[in-house]
N, C-alpha and C. Protein backbone atom coordinates (compact mmCIF):
# COMPACT_ATOMS: atom_id res chain seq x y z
N UNK A 1 0.86 -1.18 0.00
CA UNK A 1 0.00 0.00 0.00
C UNK A 1 0.90 1.23 0.00
N UNK A 2 0.65 2.11 -0.94
CA UNK A 2 1.42 3.34 -1.03
C UNK A 2 0.80 4.45 -0.20
N UNK A 3 1.56 5.49 0.01
CA UNK A 3 1.09 6.62 0.81
C UNK A 3 -0.11 7.30 0.14
N UNK A 4 -0.13 7.33 -1.20
CA UNK A 4 -1.26 7.92 -1.91
C UNK A 4 -2.55 7.15 -1.68
N UNK A 5 -2.44 5.83 -1.67
CA UNK A 5 -3.61 4.99 -1.40
C UNK A 5 -4.12 5.22 0.01
N UNK A 6 -3.20 5.26 0.96
CA UNK A 6 -3.59 5.49 2.36
C UNK A 6 -4.24 6.87 2.51
N UNK A 7 -3.63 7.89 1.92
CA UNK A 7 -4.18 9.25 2.03
C UNK A 7 -5.57 9.33 1.40
N UNK A 8 -5.75 8.71 0.27
CA UNK A 8 -7.05 8.71 -0.39
C UNK A 8 -8.09 8.00 0.47
N UNK A 9 -7.70 6.86 1.01
CA UNK A 9 -8.61 6.08 1.86
C UNK A 9 -9.00 6.85 3.12
N UNK A 10 -8.03 7.49 3.76
CA UNK A 10 -8.31 8.27 4.97
C UNK A 10 -9.20 9.47 4.63
N UNK A 11 -8.93 10.13 3.51
CA UNK A 11 -9.76 11.27 3.10
C UNK A 11 -11.21 10.85 2.88
N UNK A 12 -11.40 9.75 2.15
CA UNK A 12 -12.76 9.24 1.95
C UNK A 12 -13.38 8.85 3.29
N UNK A 13 -12.56 8.30 4.17
CA UNK A 13 -13.05 7.92 5.50
C UNK A 13 -13.55 9.11 6.30
N UNK A 14 -12.86 10.23 6.19
CA UNK A 14 -13.30 11.43 6.92
C UNK A 14 -14.67 11.89 6.42
N UNK A 15 -14.84 11.91 5.11
CA UNK A 15 -16.16 12.28 4.57
C UNK A 15 -17.22 11.26 4.96
N UNK A 16 -16.85 9.98 4.95
CA UNK A 16 -17.79 8.93 5.36
C UNK A 16 -18.14 9.08 6.84
N UNK A 17 -17.15 9.43 7.66
CA UNK A 17 -17.40 9.64 9.09
C UNK A 17 -18.36 10.79 9.33
N UNK A 18 -18.26 11.83 8.50
CA UNK A 18 -19.19 12.96 8.59
C UNK A 18 -20.62 12.47 8.29
N UNK A 19 -20.75 11.64 7.25
CA UNK A 19 -22.07 11.09 6.91
C UNK A 19 -22.59 10.19 8.03
N UNK A 20 -21.71 9.37 8.59
CA UNK A 20 -22.10 8.50 9.70
C UNK A 20 -22.52 9.30 10.92
N UNK A 21 -21.83 10.39 11.18
CA UNK A 21 -22.18 11.25 12.30
C UNK A 21 -23.54 11.89 12.10
N UNK A 22 -23.83 12.28 10.87
CA UNK A 22 -25.15 12.85 10.56
C UNK A 22 -26.24 11.81 10.80
N UNK A 23 -26.00 10.57 10.39
CA UNK A 23 -26.99 9.51 10.60
C UNK A 23 -27.18 9.22 12.08
N UNK A 24 -26.07 9.17 12.82
CA UNK A 24 -26.17 8.91 14.26
C UNK A 24 -26.87 10.06 14.97
N UNK A 25 -26.62 11.28 14.54
CA UNK A 25 -27.28 12.44 15.12
C UNK A 25 -28.79 12.34 14.90
N UNK A 26 -29.18 11.95 13.71
CA UNK A 26 -30.61 11.80 13.41
C UNK A 26 -31.23 10.71 14.27
N UNK A 27 -30.55 9.56 14.38
CA UNK A 27 -31.12 8.46 15.17
C UNK A 27 -31.20 8.81 16.65
N UNK A 28 -30.18 9.46 17.18
CA UNK A 28 -30.21 9.79 18.60
C UNK A 28 -31.20 10.92 18.90
N UNK A 29 -31.32 11.87 17.98
CA UNK A 29 -32.30 12.95 18.17
C UNK A 29 -33.72 12.39 18.19
N UNK A 30 -34.01 11.50 17.25
CA UNK A 30 -35.32 10.86 17.22
C UNK A 30 -35.57 10.05 18.49
N UNK A 31 -34.58 9.27 18.89
CA UNK A 31 -34.71 8.45 20.12
C UNK A 31 -34.92 9.32 21.35
N UNK A 32 -34.21 10.43 21.46
CA UNK A 32 -34.36 11.32 22.61
C UNK A 32 -35.77 11.90 22.66
N UNK A 33 -36.31 12.27 21.50
CA UNK A 33 -37.66 12.83 21.45
C UNK A 33 -38.69 11.77 21.82
N UNK A 34 -38.52 10.57 21.31
CA UNK A 34 -39.48 9.48 21.60
C UNK A 34 -39.44 9.12 23.08
N UNK A 35 -38.24 9.04 23.64
CA UNK A 35 -38.09 8.63 25.05
C UNK A 35 -38.17 9.80 26.02
N UNK A 36 -38.13 11.03 25.52
CA UNK A 36 -38.19 12.19 26.39
C UNK A 36 -36.97 12.36 27.27
N UNK A 37 -35.82 12.02 26.74
CA UNK A 37 -34.60 12.16 27.54
C UNK A 37 -33.72 13.27 26.99
N UNK A 38 -32.88 13.78 27.85
CA UNK A 38 -31.93 14.82 27.44
C UNK A 38 -30.72 14.17 26.79
N UNK A 39 -29.99 14.95 26.03
CA UNK A 39 -28.76 14.46 25.41
C UNK A 39 -27.68 14.22 26.45
N UNK A 40 -26.69 13.43 26.07
CA UNK A 40 -25.58 13.14 26.96
C UNK A 40 -24.49 14.19 26.80
N UNK A 41 -23.94 14.61 27.91
CA UNK A 41 -22.82 15.56 27.85
C UNK A 41 -21.48 14.84 28.00
N UNK A 42 -21.50 13.52 28.17
CA UNK A 42 -20.26 12.77 28.43
C UNK A 42 -19.21 12.95 27.34
N UNK A 43 -19.55 12.85 26.04
CA UNK A 43 -18.50 13.04 25.04
C UNK A 43 -17.85 14.43 25.12
N UNK A 44 -18.66 15.46 25.28
CA UNK A 44 -18.11 16.82 25.39
C UNK A 44 -17.32 16.98 26.68
N UNK A 45 -17.81 16.40 27.77
CA UNK A 45 -17.08 16.46 29.04
C UNK A 45 -15.71 15.79 28.91
N UNK A 46 -15.66 14.67 28.18
CA UNK A 46 -14.39 13.97 27.96
C UNK A 46 -13.44 14.84 27.14
N UNK A 47 -13.96 15.44 26.06
CA UNK A 47 -13.12 16.31 25.23
C UNK A 47 -12.62 17.51 26.02
N UNK A 48 -13.47 18.06 26.88
CA UNK A 48 -13.05 19.19 27.72
C UNK A 48 -11.89 18.78 28.61
N UNK A 49 -11.99 17.59 29.22
CA UNK A 49 -10.92 17.12 30.11
C UNK A 49 -9.62 16.90 29.34
N UNK A 50 -9.72 16.22 28.21
CA UNK A 50 -8.53 15.88 27.44
C UNK A 50 -7.86 17.13 26.88
N UNK A 51 -8.65 18.07 26.41
CA UNK A 51 -8.11 19.28 25.77
C UNK A 51 -7.90 20.44 26.73
N UNK A 52 -8.41 20.33 27.96
CA UNK A 52 -8.27 21.41 28.92
C UNK A 52 -9.13 22.62 28.59
N UNK A 53 -10.29 22.37 27.99
CA UNK A 53 -11.20 23.44 27.58
C UNK A 53 -12.19 23.72 28.70
N UNK A 54 -12.45 24.98 28.97
CA UNK A 54 -13.43 25.40 29.97
C UNK A 54 -14.41 26.38 29.34
N UNK A 55 -15.55 25.90 28.83
CA UNK A 55 -16.53 26.84 28.26
C UNK A 55 -16.97 27.87 29.30
N UNK A 56 -17.16 29.10 28.86
CA UNK A 56 -17.45 30.20 29.78
C UNK A 56 -18.92 30.29 30.19
N UNK A 57 -19.81 29.70 29.39
CA UNK A 57 -21.23 29.75 29.73
C UNK A 57 -21.95 28.59 29.04
N UNK A 58 -23.25 28.48 29.24
CA UNK A 58 -24.01 27.37 28.67
C UNK A 58 -23.99 27.38 27.15
N UNK A 59 -24.06 28.55 26.55
CA UNK A 59 -24.03 28.63 25.09
C UNK A 59 -22.69 28.13 24.55
N UNK A 60 -21.60 28.49 25.22
CA UNK A 60 -20.28 28.03 24.80
C UNK A 60 -20.15 26.52 25.00
N UNK A 61 -20.73 26.02 26.07
CA UNK A 61 -20.69 24.58 26.33
C UNK A 61 -21.46 23.83 25.24
N UNK A 62 -22.60 24.37 24.82
CA UNK A 62 -23.40 23.75 23.75
C UNK A 62 -22.63 23.76 22.42
N UNK A 63 -21.98 24.87 22.11
CA UNK A 63 -21.18 24.95 20.87
C UNK A 63 -20.04 23.95 20.91
N UNK A 64 -19.37 23.87 22.06
CA UNK A 64 -18.25 22.93 22.19
C UNK A 64 -18.75 21.49 22.09
N UNK A 65 -19.89 21.22 22.68
CA UNK A 65 -20.48 19.87 22.61
C UNK A 65 -20.73 19.47 21.16
N UNK A 66 -21.30 20.38 20.37
CA UNK A 66 -21.55 20.09 18.96
C UNK A 66 -20.24 19.89 18.20
N UNK A 67 -19.26 20.74 18.46
CA UNK A 67 -17.97 20.62 17.81
C UNK A 67 -17.31 19.27 18.16
N UNK A 68 -17.37 18.89 19.43
CA UNK A 68 -16.78 17.62 19.86
C UNK A 68 -17.50 16.44 19.19
N UNK A 69 -18.83 16.49 19.17
CA UNK A 69 -19.61 15.41 18.57
C UNK A 69 -19.27 15.23 17.09
N UNK A 70 -19.34 16.32 16.34
CA UNK A 70 -19.08 16.23 14.90
C UNK A 70 -17.62 15.95 14.59
N UNK A 71 -16.72 16.53 15.35
CA UNK A 71 -15.30 16.28 15.14
C UNK A 71 -14.91 14.85 15.46
N UNK A 72 -15.45 14.33 16.56
CA UNK A 72 -15.13 12.96 16.98
C UNK A 72 -15.65 11.96 15.95
N UNK A 73 -16.90 12.11 15.55
CA UNK A 73 -17.48 11.18 14.58
C UNK A 73 -16.81 11.26 13.23
N UNK A 74 -16.51 12.46 12.78
CA UNK A 74 -15.82 12.63 11.51
C UNK A 74 -14.42 12.03 11.59
N UNK A 75 -13.73 12.29 12.68
CA UNK A 75 -12.38 11.76 12.86
C UNK A 75 -12.32 10.25 12.87
N UNK A 76 -13.30 9.61 13.50
CA UNK A 76 -13.33 8.15 13.51
C UNK A 76 -13.53 7.58 12.11
N UNK A 77 -14.03 8.38 11.20
CA UNK A 77 -14.14 7.92 9.82
C UNK A 77 -12.78 7.60 9.21
N UNK A 78 -11.74 8.26 9.68
CA UNK A 78 -10.39 7.97 9.19
C UNK A 78 -10.03 6.51 9.45
N UNK A 79 -10.48 5.97 10.56
CA UNK A 79 -10.21 4.56 10.88
C UNK A 79 -10.86 3.66 9.83
N UNK A 80 -12.06 4.03 9.39
CA UNK A 80 -12.72 3.24 8.34
C UNK A 80 -11.89 3.28 7.07
N UNK A 81 -11.29 4.42 6.78
CA UNK A 81 -10.41 4.53 5.63
C UNK A 81 -9.17 3.67 5.76
N UNK A 82 -8.58 3.63 6.94
CA UNK A 82 -7.40 2.78 7.17
C UNK A 82 -7.77 1.31 6.99
N UNK A 83 -8.94 0.93 7.47
CA UNK A 83 -9.39 -0.46 7.28
C UNK A 83 -9.49 -0.79 5.79
N UNK A 84 -10.01 0.15 5.00
CA UNK A 84 -10.11 -0.08 3.56
C UNK A 84 -8.72 -0.19 2.94
N UNK A 85 -7.81 0.68 3.35
CA UNK A 85 -6.45 0.63 2.82
C UNK A 85 -5.77 -0.69 3.17
N UNK A 86 -6.20 -1.30 4.28
CA UNK A 86 -5.65 -2.60 4.69
C UNK A 86 -6.35 -3.76 3.97
N UNK A 87 -7.32 -3.43 3.11
CA UNK A 87 -7.98 -4.46 2.32
C UNK A 87 -9.31 -4.95 2.86
N UNK A 88 -9.83 -4.31 3.90
CA UNK A 88 -11.11 -4.74 4.47
C UNK A 88 -12.25 -3.91 3.91
N UNK A 89 -13.38 -4.54 3.69
CA UNK A 89 -14.57 -3.84 3.24
C UNK A 89 -15.80 -4.57 3.76
N UNK A 90 -16.97 -4.00 3.48
CA UNK A 90 -18.23 -4.65 3.82
C UNK A 90 -18.38 -4.93 5.31
N UNK A 91 -18.97 -6.08 5.60
CA UNK A 91 -19.27 -6.45 6.99
C UNK A 91 -18.03 -6.52 7.89
N UNK A 92 -16.92 -7.13 7.45
CA UNK A 92 -15.74 -7.15 8.33
C UNK A 92 -15.25 -5.75 8.71
N UNK A 93 -15.22 -4.83 7.73
CA UNK A 93 -14.78 -3.46 8.02
C UNK A 93 -15.77 -2.76 8.94
N UNK A 94 -17.06 -2.96 8.68
CA UNK A 94 -18.09 -2.33 9.52
C UNK A 94 -18.01 -2.84 10.95
N UNK A 95 -17.85 -4.15 11.10
CA UNK A 95 -17.78 -4.75 12.44
C UNK A 95 -16.56 -4.25 13.21
N UNK A 96 -15.40 -4.24 12.57
CA UNK A 96 -14.19 -3.75 13.25
C UNK A 96 -14.30 -2.26 13.58
N UNK A 97 -14.87 -1.49 12.67
CA UNK A 97 -15.03 -0.07 12.91
C UNK A 97 -15.97 0.16 14.10
N UNK A 98 -17.10 -0.54 14.11
CA UNK A 98 -18.04 -0.45 15.23
C UNK A 98 -17.34 -0.80 16.54
N UNK A 99 -16.63 -1.93 16.56
CA UNK A 99 -15.96 -2.37 17.79
C UNK A 99 -14.93 -1.35 18.27
N UNK A 100 -14.21 -0.73 17.35
CA UNK A 100 -13.21 0.28 17.74
C UNK A 100 -13.88 1.51 18.34
N UNK A 101 -14.93 2.00 17.68
CA UNK A 101 -15.61 3.22 18.15
C UNK A 101 -16.34 2.95 19.46
N UNK A 102 -17.16 1.92 19.48
CA UNK A 102 -17.96 1.64 20.67
C UNK A 102 -17.07 1.17 21.82
N UNK A 103 -16.10 0.34 21.52
CA UNK A 103 -15.18 -0.14 22.56
C UNK A 103 -14.42 1.00 23.21
N UNK A 104 -13.97 1.95 22.40
CA UNK A 104 -13.23 3.08 22.99
C UNK A 104 -14.13 3.91 23.89
N UNK A 105 -15.40 4.06 23.48
CA UNK A 105 -16.34 4.81 24.32
C UNK A 105 -16.53 4.14 25.68
N UNK A 106 -16.73 2.84 25.65
CA UNK A 106 -17.04 2.12 26.90
C UNK A 106 -15.84 2.04 27.83
N UNK A 107 -14.64 2.24 27.30
CA UNK A 107 -13.43 2.23 28.13
C UNK A 107 -13.05 3.65 28.55
N UNK A 108 -12.99 4.57 27.59
CA UNK A 108 -12.44 5.89 27.86
C UNK A 108 -13.35 6.79 28.70
N UNK A 109 -14.66 6.79 28.43
CA UNK A 109 -15.53 7.69 29.19
C UNK A 109 -15.51 7.38 30.68
N UNK A 110 -15.61 6.11 31.10
CA UNK A 110 -15.48 5.83 32.54
C UNK A 110 -14.09 6.16 33.09
N UNK A 111 -13.05 5.89 32.30
CA UNK A 111 -11.69 6.19 32.78
C UNK A 111 -11.46 7.68 32.98
N UNK A 112 -12.14 8.48 32.16
CA UNK A 112 -12.03 9.93 32.32
C UNK A 112 -12.96 10.46 33.40
N UNK A 113 -13.80 9.59 33.95
CA UNK A 113 -14.70 10.00 35.02
C UNK A 113 -15.92 10.78 34.56
N UNK A 114 -16.30 10.63 33.28
CA UNK A 114 -17.45 11.39 32.76
C UNK A 114 -18.67 10.51 32.51
N UNK A 115 -18.53 9.21 32.71
CA UNK A 115 -19.66 8.28 32.56
C UNK A 115 -19.39 7.08 33.45
N UNK A 116 -20.46 6.45 33.93
CA UNK A 116 -20.26 5.25 34.74
C UNK A 116 -19.79 4.09 33.87
N UNK A 117 -19.22 3.06 34.49
CA UNK A 117 -18.84 1.87 33.72
C UNK A 117 -20.07 1.24 33.07
N UNK A 118 -19.86 0.57 31.96
CA UNK A 118 -20.96 -0.02 31.21
C UNK A 118 -21.76 -1.00 32.07
N UNK A 119 -21.13 -1.61 33.04
CA UNK A 119 -21.82 -2.57 33.92
C UNK A 119 -22.91 -1.89 34.76
N UNK A 120 -22.90 -0.56 34.82
CA UNK A 120 -23.90 0.19 35.58
C UNK A 120 -24.95 0.85 34.68
N UNK A 121 -24.89 0.66 33.38
CA UNK A 121 -25.80 1.33 32.46
C UNK A 121 -27.19 0.71 32.44
N UNK A 122 -27.27 -0.58 32.58
CA UNK A 122 -28.54 -1.28 32.41
C UNK A 122 -28.68 -1.74 30.96
N UNK A 123 -29.37 -2.86 30.78
CA UNK A 123 -29.47 -3.47 29.46
C UNK A 123 -30.12 -2.55 28.42
N UNK A 124 -31.15 -1.83 28.82
CA UNK A 124 -31.85 -0.96 27.87
C UNK A 124 -30.93 0.15 27.36
N UNK A 125 -30.18 0.78 28.24
CA UNK A 125 -29.28 1.86 27.83
C UNK A 125 -28.13 1.34 26.99
N UNK A 126 -27.62 0.15 27.32
CA UNK A 126 -26.56 -0.45 26.50
C UNK A 126 -27.12 -0.71 25.10
N UNK A 127 -28.32 -1.25 25.03
CA UNK A 127 -28.94 -1.53 23.73
C UNK A 127 -29.14 -0.28 22.90
N UNK A 128 -29.60 0.79 23.52
CA UNK A 128 -29.80 2.05 22.80
C UNK A 128 -28.46 2.59 22.31
N UNK A 129 -27.45 2.52 23.14
CA UNK A 129 -26.13 3.01 22.76
C UNK A 129 -25.55 2.18 21.62
N UNK A 130 -25.69 0.87 21.70
CA UNK A 130 -25.22 -0.01 20.63
C UNK A 130 -25.95 0.34 19.33
N UNK A 131 -27.26 0.52 19.41
CA UNK A 131 -28.04 0.87 18.22
C UNK A 131 -27.48 2.12 17.53
N UNK A 132 -27.26 3.19 18.30
CA UNK A 132 -26.77 4.43 17.70
C UNK A 132 -25.38 4.25 17.09
N UNK A 133 -24.53 3.47 17.75
CA UNK A 133 -23.20 3.25 17.20
C UNK A 133 -23.22 2.33 15.98
N UNK A 134 -24.18 1.42 15.94
CA UNK A 134 -24.36 0.60 14.73
C UNK A 134 -24.83 1.47 13.57
N UNK A 135 -25.75 2.40 13.85
CA UNK A 135 -26.19 3.34 12.82
C UNK A 135 -24.97 4.10 12.28
N UNK A 136 -24.11 4.56 13.19
CA UNK A 136 -22.92 5.29 12.77
C UNK A 136 -22.03 4.40 11.90
N UNK A 137 -21.68 3.21 12.37
CA UNK A 137 -20.75 2.35 11.65
C UNK A 137 -21.31 1.91 10.30
N UNK A 138 -22.58 1.55 10.26
CA UNK A 138 -23.18 1.10 9.01
C UNK A 138 -23.31 2.26 8.02
N UNK A 139 -23.67 3.44 8.50
CA UNK A 139 -23.79 4.60 7.61
C UNK A 139 -22.43 5.05 7.11
N UNK A 140 -21.44 5.02 7.98
CA UNK A 140 -20.08 5.37 7.58
C UNK A 140 -19.60 4.39 6.51
N UNK A 141 -19.84 3.11 6.73
CA UNK A 141 -19.44 2.10 5.74
C UNK A 141 -20.15 2.33 4.40
N UNK A 142 -21.45 2.56 4.45
CA UNK A 142 -22.21 2.77 3.21
C UNK A 142 -21.67 3.99 2.45
N UNK A 143 -21.41 5.07 3.17
CA UNK A 143 -20.89 6.28 2.52
C UNK A 143 -19.49 6.01 1.95
N UNK A 144 -18.67 5.30 2.72
CA UNK A 144 -17.31 4.99 2.25
C UNK A 144 -17.37 4.17 0.97
N UNK A 145 -18.15 3.11 0.99
CA UNK A 145 -18.20 2.23 -0.17
C UNK A 145 -18.82 2.92 -1.38
N UNK A 146 -19.76 3.83 -1.16
CA UNK A 146 -20.33 4.61 -2.25
C UNK A 146 -19.26 5.48 -2.89
N UNK A 147 -18.47 6.17 -2.05
CA UNK A 147 -17.39 7.01 -2.59
C UNK A 147 -16.30 6.17 -3.24
N UNK A 148 -16.00 5.03 -2.67
CA UNK A 148 -14.93 4.17 -3.18
C UNK A 148 -15.30 3.55 -4.52
N UNK A 149 -16.61 3.40 -4.78
CA UNK A 149 -17.04 2.79 -6.03
C UNK A 149 -16.77 3.70 -7.22
N UNK A 150 -16.63 4.98 -6.98
CA UNK A 150 -16.35 5.92 -8.05
C UNK A 150 -17.56 6.19 -8.94
N UNK A 151 -17.31 6.89 -10.05
CA UNK A 151 -18.43 7.26 -10.93
C UNK A 151 -19.04 6.07 -11.66
């Protein structure tokens, strides 16, 4: 694999990650409305800790939360591109991408102290979280493969 192939794959992955993030945003927004629950601040809280960011007010915290959400999801698309450059596609690439994204969430958020361990979430919340991350991984894969197919 040459550097040009890797760069092309990562670039397509970033755009695919943006599409996956849009799909996950839609699924989680719909789920929150149906269930009447508020959004999670854990991803933004984690980014604040890691980056040392302190929003000055609620509006700034909301902007940072959106930036963290879209940046994180778009960035994880690069991993999908690396998987493609390594020769993986379809279900194997989607499964590995899902496991990387969801696995990192379940490990890092509790370690950063912004979410409880997954063992304390309850089956329903784990299921909802898995669903949203599957939407992300499958949508990212679909977008990647659409772009990779060319004209």
